Amino acid sequence: MAINWYILQVHSGFEDKVKLTLEDRIRKEGLEEFFGEILVPTEQVVEMIKGKRKTSERKFFPGYMLVAMDLNDSTWHVLHDNMPRVVGFVGDDENPTPLPEADAQKIIGRIQDGAEAPRPKVIFEIGEAVRVTDGPFANFQGVVEEVFPEKGRVKVMVSIFGRDTPVELEYIQVSNT
């Protein structure tokens, strides 16, 4: 018996529901030994809403999930027979190709990194016009001069009393205009 990772396409927005239904069906059919983890790839994101820092979960592959399983007739049918909101395996649905282990580990690593260190919801680019939403420069508008993704910060040129002044802010303190 060989457990491999497969990518399952599902209706976007129903990934968690499909996961619960699939886990329930596996238990009812007594096929736990043929399945490993079932993952919905998500990460934590941080944003400012009404002046407050809010952390939420975002799916980074909406409409897809990873299933570790030993592919045989029984397990294939569990995923296809009257399984609501499941489109099928990515690639050849009749003879799915397993995801290479290295690729699966990259995705799993990204899931773990996203849970440990929340990422900003919005990524900024140099030259982008932004509005400061928090801190002493709230409601000022400016242009992104530098981006420091490893720190989650940006340097924004804001006009204070008619002079452009560089201000370093956290990602969550600015928003796109």
Protein backbone atom coordinates (compact mmCIF):
# COMPACT_ATOMS: atom_id res chain seq x y z
CA MET A 1 0.00 0.00 0.00
CA ALA A 2 1.44 3.38 -1.07
CA ILE A 3 0.03 6.62 0.30
CA ASN A 4 0.55 9.48 -2.18
CA TRP A 5 -0.67 13.05 -2.36
CA TYR A 6 -3.33 13.94 -4.92
CA ILE A 7 -4.92 17.28 -5.78
CA LEU A 8 -8.70 17.25 -5.71
CA GLN A 9 -10.69 19.99 -7.41
CA VAL A 10 -13.83 21.06 -5.55
CA HIS A 11 -16.32 23.91 -5.83
CA SER A 12 -14.65 27.09 -4.63
CA GLY A 13 -15.85 28.16 -1.20
CA PHE A 14 -16.87 24.63 -0.20
CA GLU A 15 -13.42 23.20 0.55
CA ASP A 16 -13.98 22.86 4.32
CA LYS A 17 -17.44 21.33 3.83
CA VAL A 18 -16.06 18.80 1.32
CA LYS A 19 -13.25 17.93 3.75
CA LEU A 20 -15.74 17.21 6.56
CA THR A 21 -18.01 15.19 4.25
CA LEU A 22 -15.05 13.20 2.93
CA GLU A 23 -13.71 12.45 6.43
CA ASP A 24 -17.19 11.31 7.50
CA ARG A 25 -17.56 9.08 4.43
CA ILE A 26 -14.12 7.52 4.98
CA ARG A 27 -15.11 6.65 8.57
CA LYS A 28 -18.47 5.18 7.51
CA GLU A 29 -16.84 3.06 4.78
CA GLY A 30 -14.08 1.90 7.18
CA LEU A 31 -11.30 3.04 4.83
CA GLU A 32 -9.19 5.02 7.32
CA GLU A 33 -6.14 2.85 6.62
CA PHE A 34 -6.12 3.97 2.96
CA PHE A 35 -6.19 7.69 3.69
CA GLY A 36 -3.72 10.05 5.32
CA GLU A 37 -4.18 13.77 5.80
CA ILE A 38 -6.75 15.83 3.96
CA LEU A 39 -5.62 19.44 3.70
CA VAL A 40 -7.24 22.68 2.58
CA PRO A 41 -4.22 24.95 1.88
CA THR A 42 -4.75 28.11 3.94
CA GLU A 43 -2.66 30.83 5.53
CA GLN A 44 -3.28 33.49 8.15
CA VAL A 45 -3.51 37.06 6.85
CA VAL A 46 -3.49 40.32 8.79
CA GLU A 47 -5.41 43.46 7.81
CA MET A 48 -6.70 46.65 9.39
CA ILE A 49 -10.48 46.92 9.64
CA LYS A 50 -11.95 50.07 11.21
CA GLY A 51 -8.64 50.82 12.89
CA LYS A 52 -8.26 47.37 14.43
CA ARG A 53 -5.83 44.65 13.49
CA LYS A 54 -7.75 41.57 12.31
CA THR A 55 -6.33 38.15 11.50
CA SER A 56 -8.27 35.92 9.16
CA GLU A 57 -7.72 32.77 7.17
CA ARG A 58 -7.28 32.82 3.39
CA LYS A 59 -7.17 29.86 1.04
CA PHE A 60 -4.18 30.16 -1.24
CA PHE A 61 -5.50 27.57 -3.73
CA PRO A 62 -9.27 28.25 -3.73
CA GLY A 63 -11.17 25.31 -5.18
CA TYR A 64 -8.44 22.75 -4.47
CA MET A 65 -7.46 20.46 -1.63
CA LEU A 66 -4.73 17.89 -1.02
CA VAL A 67 -5.62 14.31 -0.19
CA ALA A 68 -3.04 11.74 0.95
CA MET A 69 -4.35 8.33 -0.02
CA ASP A 70 -3.65 4.91 -1.45
CA LEU A 71 -5.48 5.12 -4.77
CA ASN A 72 -7.50 1.97 -5.45
CA ASP A 73 -11.04 1.22 -6.64
CA SER A 74 -12.56 1.70 -3.18
CA THR A 75 -10.86 5.01 -2.44
CA TRP A 76 -11.50 6.35 -5.96
CA HIS A 77 -15.21 5.61 -5.59
CA VAL A 78 -15.37 7.29 -2.17
CA LEU A 79 -14.31 10.52 -3.88
CA HIS A 80 -16.59 10.18 -6.91
CA ASP A 81 -19.82 8.37 -6.02
CA ASN A 82 -22.40 10.98 -5.01
CA MET A 83 -19.75 13.19 -3.47
CA PRO A 84 -21.26 16.69 -3.50
CA ARG A 85 -19.18 19.60 -4.78
CA VAL A 86 -16.26 17.44 -5.93
CA VAL A 87 -15.20 18.09 -9.53
CA GLY A 88 -12.50 15.40 -9.62
CA PHE A 89 -8.77 14.92 -9.56
CA VAL A 90 -6.53 17.47 -11.25
CA GLY A 91 -5.22 16.11 -14.52
CA ASP A 92 -6.53 12.75 -15.67
CA ASP A 93 -9.57 12.14 -13.45
CA GLU A 94 -9.76 8.44 -14.39
CA ASN A 95 -6.06 7.73 -13.71
CA PRO A 96 -4.82 10.55 -11.47
CA THR A 97 -1.12 11.21 -11.19
CA PRO A 98 0.19 11.67 -7.66
CA LEU A 99 1.72 14.99 -6.71
CA PRO A 100 5.52 14.67 -6.41
CA GLU A 101 6.51 14.46 -2.74
CA ALA A 102 8.77 17.53 -3.01
CA ASP A 103 5.86 19.63 -4.32
CA ALA A 104 3.54 18.33 -1.61
CA GLN A 105 6.11 19.22 1.06
CA LYS A 106 6.44 22.77 -0.36
CA ILE A 107 2.68 23.26 -0.04
CA ILE A 108 2.59 21.74 3.45
CA GLY A 109 5.51 23.98 4.46
CA ARG A 110 3.64 27.03 3.17
CA ILE A 111 0.58 26.00 5.19
CA GLN A 112 2.71 25.67 8.35
CA ASP A 113 4.54 28.98 7.70
CA GLY A 114 1.21 30.74 7.11
CA ALA A 115 -0.14 29.46 10.43
CA GLU A 116 2.97 30.49 12.40
CA ALA A 117 3.58 33.92 10.88
CA PRO A 118 0.51 35.71 9.51
CA ARG A 119 1.11 37.47 6.22
CA PRO A 120 -0.29 40.83 5.19
CA LYS A 121 -3.45 40.57 3.12
CA VAL A 122 -2.18 43.10 0.58
CA ILE A 123 1.29 43.25 -0.97
CA PHE A 124 2.47 46.68 -2.16
CA GLU A 125 4.59 47.72 -5.14
CA ILE A 126 6.98 50.64 -5.62
CA GLY A 127 5.18 53.62 -7.16
CA GLU A 128 1.76 52.51 -5.95
CA ALA A 129 -0.53 55.22 -4.53
CA VAL A 130 -1.66 54.39 -0.99
CA ARG A 131 -3.60 55.91 1.89
CA VAL A 132 -2.36 55.70 5.49
CA THR A 133 -5.11 54.11 7.60
CA ASP A 134 -3.54 53.98 11.05
CA GLY A 135 -1.09 55.88 13.22
CA PRO A 136 -0.13 59.56 13.39
CA PHE A 137 -0.29 59.92 9.59
CA ALA A 138 -3.80 58.42 9.24
CA ASN A 139 -5.73 59.76 6.23
CA PHE A 140 -2.57 61.04 4.50
CA GLN A 141 -2.02 59.85 0.94
CA GLY A 142 1.33 58.97 -0.51
CA VAL A 143 3.37 56.85 -2.89
CA VAL A 144 5.28 53.68 -1.99
CA GLU A 145 9.04 54.33 -2.28
CA GLU A 146 10.41 51.05 -0.92
CA VAL A 147 8.97 47.68 0.10
CA PHE A 148 10.46 45.53 2.86
CA PRO A 149 8.52 42.22 2.55
CA GLU A 150 10.70 40.41 5.12
CA LYS A 151 9.71 43.04 7.72
CA GLY A 152 6.15 43.57 6.47
CA ARG A 153 6.87 47.29 6.10
CA VAL A 154 6.82 49.96 3.37
CA LYS A 155 8.43 53.38 3.02
CA VAL A 156 5.79 55.85 1.84
CA MET A 157 6.41 59.44 0.67
CA VAL A 158 3.63 61.56 2.19
CA SER A 159 3.15 65.29 1.68
CA ILE A 160 3.35 67.11 5.03
CA PHE A 161 2.99 70.90 4.85
CA GLY A 162 3.81 70.78 1.13
CA ARG A 163 7.00 68.73 1.54
CA ASP A 164 7.43 65.06 0.62
CA THR A 165 8.47 63.20 3.75
CA PRO A 166 9.45 59.51 3.91
CA VAL A 167 7.49 57.53 6.50
CA GLU A 168 8.11 53.85 7.27
CA LEU A 169 4.90 51.98 8.10
CA GLU A 170 3.67 48.43 8.60
CA TYR A 171 1.70 46.91 5.72
CA ILE A 172 -1.46 46.95 7.80
CA GLN A 173 -1.17 50.72 8.35
CA VAL A 174 -1.72 51.48 4.64
CA SER A 175 -4.27 50.55 2.00
CA ASN A 176 -4.59 50.87 -1.75
CA THR A 177 -6.33 54.06 -2.86
